[in-house]
Amino acid sequence: MAGGWAKDGAVSEQIEASIKDELARLKIRKTPVGESLTECAECGEEIPEKRRQAIPGVKLCIDCQKERDGTYKARGGINRRGSKDSQLK
């Protein structure tokens, strides 16, 4: 059931589009690119050979990666519908 000027299924399409965008963003962020470094880009410690083979393109040692994964970064969401006020003007 749609309301106002929205077509049927518009809310579901918006939710699916938001989920698809977020998954694509996460996939890009998690995939290292390029050649692995022999030393960590942050602390300078040696990155073990097995880690470099397991994750091609790795730039951080295990400790620095754990620290980075543990930090939360808030980011603004996307409002695809706009506000009611903007629709009324």
C-alpha atoms as a PDB file:
ATOM      1  CA  MET A   1       0.000   0.000   0.000  1.00  0.00           C
ATOM      2  CA  ALA A   2       1.429   3.340  -1.018  1.00  0.00           C
ATOM      3  CA  GLY A   3       0.647   6.682   0.520  1.00  0.00           C
ATOM      4  CA  GLY A   4       0.560  10.065  -1.124  1.00  0.00           C
ATOM      5  CA  TRP A   5       2.465  10.225  -4.400  1.00  0.00           C
ATOM      6  CA  ALA A   6       4.610   7.182  -3.731  1.00  0.00           C
ATOM      7  CA  LYS A   7       4.098   4.115  -5.877  1.00  0.00           C
ATOM      8  CA  ASP A   8       3.410   0.672  -4.419  1.00  0.00           C
ATOM      9  CA  GLY A   9       6.537  -0.869  -2.911  1.00  0.00           C
ATOM     10  CA  ALA A  10       8.412   2.439  -2.749  1.00  0.00           C
ATOM     11  CA  VAL A  11       9.357   2.015   0.893  1.00  0.00           C
ATOM     12  CA  SER A  12      10.670  -1.498   0.282  1.00  0.00           C
ATOM     13  CA  GLU A  13      12.698  -0.248  -2.687  1.00  0.00           C
ATOM     14  CA  GLN A  14      14.217   2.503  -0.528  1.00  0.00           C
ATOM     15  CA  ILE A  15      15.170   0.031   2.189  1.00  0.00           C
ATOM     16  CA  GLU A  16      16.680  -2.385  -0.335  1.00  0.00           C
ATOM     17  CA  ALA A  17      18.638   0.433  -2.006  1.00  0.00           C
ATOM     18  CA  SER A  18      20.013   1.595   1.352  1.00  0.00           C
ATOM     19  CA  ILE A  19      21.089  -1.933   2.273  1.00  0.00           C
ATOM     20  CA  LYS A  20      22.706  -2.442  -1.143  1.00  0.00           C
ATOM     21  CA  ASP A  21      24.632   0.840  -0.846  1.00  0.00           C
ATOM     22  CA  GLU A  22      25.883  -0.002   2.642  1.00  0.00           C
ATOM     23  CA  LEU A  23      26.993  -3.500   1.642  1.00  0.00           C
ATOM     24  CA  ALA A  24      28.874  -2.098  -1.346  1.00  0.00           C
ATOM     25  CA  ARG A  25      30.586   0.460   0.900  1.00  0.00           C
ATOM     26  CA  LEU A  26      31.628  -2.218   3.386  1.00  0.00           C
ATOM     27  CA  LYS A  27      32.912  -4.503   0.643  1.00  0.00           C
ATOM     28  CA  ILE A  28      35.137  -1.763  -0.744  1.00  0.00           C
ATOM     29  CA  ARG A  29      36.463  -0.832   2.702  1.00  0.00           C
ATOM     30  CA  LYS A  30      37.313  -4.418   3.699  1.00  0.00           C
ATOM     31  CA  THR A  31      39.175  -5.373   0.532  1.00  0.00           C
ATOM     32  CA  PRO A  32      42.872  -4.384   0.624  1.00  0.00           C
ATOM     33  CA  VAL A  33      44.304  -3.236  -2.694  1.00  0.00           C
ATOM     34  CA  GLY A  34      47.794  -3.371  -4.116  1.00  0.00           C
ATOM     35  CA  GLU A  35      50.902  -5.102  -2.876  1.00  0.00           C
ATOM     36  CA  SER A  36      51.318  -6.066   0.782  1.00  0.00           C
ATOM     37  CA  LEU A  37      53.722  -4.037   2.875  1.00  0.00           C
ATOM     38  CA  THR A  38      56.497  -5.772   4.793  1.00  0.00           C
ATOM     39  CA  GLU A  39      56.219  -3.237   7.621  1.00  0.00           C
ATOM     40  CA  CYS A  40      53.062  -1.844   9.227  1.00  0.00           C
ATOM     41  CA  ALA A  41      51.991   1.534   7.829  1.00  0.00           C
ATOM     42  CA  GLU A  42      51.141   2.835  11.326  1.00  0.00           C
ATOM     43  CA  CYS A  43      53.664   1.431  13.828  1.00  0.00           C
ATOM     44  CA  GLY A  44      56.476   0.186  11.554  1.00  0.00           C
ATOM     45  CA  GLU A  45      56.565  -3.344  12.988  1.00  0.00           C
ATOM     46  CA  GLU A  46      57.161  -6.232  10.605  1.00  0.00           C
ATOM     47  CA  ILE A  47      54.029  -7.861   9.154  1.00  0.00           C
ATOM     48  CA  PRO A  48      54.356 -11.667   9.341  1.00  0.00           C
ATOM     49  CA  GLU A  49      54.810 -13.461   6.001  1.00  0.00           C
ATOM     50  CA  LYS A  50      51.767 -15.693   6.609  1.00  0.00           C
ATOM     51  CA  ARG A  51      49.556 -12.609   7.124  1.00  0.00           C
ATOM     52  CA  ARG A  52      50.845 -11.065   3.895  1.00  0.00           C
ATOM     53  CA  GLN A  53      50.070 -14.293   2.012  1.00  0.00           C
ATOM     54  CA  ALA A  54      46.641 -14.696   3.603  1.00  0.00           C
ATOM     55  CA  ILE A  55      45.545 -11.112   2.917  1.00  0.00           C
ATOM     56  CA  PRO A  56      47.072  -9.741  -0.292  1.00  0.00           C
ATOM     57  CA  GLY A  57      47.439  -5.969  -0.055  1.00  0.00           C
ATOM     58  CA  VAL A  58      47.570  -5.857   3.754  1.00  0.00           C
ATOM     59  CA  LYS A  59      49.015  -2.601   5.127  1.00  0.00           C
ATOM     60  CA  LEU A  60      48.661  -3.023   8.919  1.00  0.00           C
ATOM     61  CA  CYS A  61      49.992  -5.459  11.498  1.00  0.00           C
ATOM     62  CA  ILE A  62      47.504  -7.490  13.535  1.00  0.00           C
ATOM     63  CA  ASP A  63      47.625  -5.184  16.576  1.00  0.00           C
ATOM     64  CA  CYS A  64      47.042  -1.998  14.565  1.00  0.00           C
ATOM     65  CA  GLN A  65      44.251  -3.673  12.579  1.00  0.00           C
ATOM     66  CA  LYS A  66      42.529  -4.777  15.814  1.00  0.00           C
ATOM     67  CA  GLU A  67      42.764  -1.236  17.159  1.00  0.00           C
ATOM     68  CA  ARG A  68      41.343   0.226  13.961  1.00  0.00           C
ATOM     69  CA  ASP A  69      38.503  -2.310  13.831  1.00  0.00           C
ATOM     70  CA  GLY A  70      37.598  -1.506  17.438  1.00  0.00           C
ATOM     71  CA  THR A  71      37.078   2.209  16.833  1.00  0.00           C
ATOM     72  CA  TYR A  72      33.573   3.360  15.971  1.00  0.00           C
ATOM     73  CA  LYS A  73      33.122   6.059  13.389  1.00  0.00           C
ATOM     74  CA  ALA A  74      29.696   7.615  13.240  1.00  0.00           C
ATOM     75  CA  ARG A  75      28.544   8.563   9.802  1.00  0.00           C
ATOM     76  CA  GLY A  76      25.448  10.311   8.631  1.00  0.00           C
ATOM     77  CA  GLY A  77      22.662   8.322   7.086  1.00  0.00           C
ATOM     78  CA  ILE A  78      21.023   9.030   3.788  1.00  0.00           C
ATOM     79  CA  ASN A  79      17.479  10.312   3.830  1.00  0.00           C
ATOM     80  CA  ARG A  80      16.150   9.205   0.455  1.00  0.00           C
ATOM     81  CA  ARG A  81      12.629  10.452   1.082  1.00  0.00           C
ATOM     82  CA  GLY A  82      13.355  13.978   2.218  1.00  0.00           C
ATOM     83  CA  SER A  83      11.433  15.676   4.973  1.00  0.00           C
ATOM     84  CA  LYS A  84       7.711  16.368   4.995  1.00  0.00           C
ATOM     85  CA  ASP A  85       8.426  20.081   5.168  1.00  0.00           C
ATOM     86  CA  SER A  86      10.402  20.003   1.941  1.00  0.00           C
ATOM     87  CA  GLN A  87       7.566  18.157   0.208  1.00  0.00           C
ATOM     88  CA  LEU A  88       4.974  20.685   1.345  1.00  0.00           C
ATOM     89  CA  LYS A  89       6.778  23.768   0.017  1.00  0.00           C
END
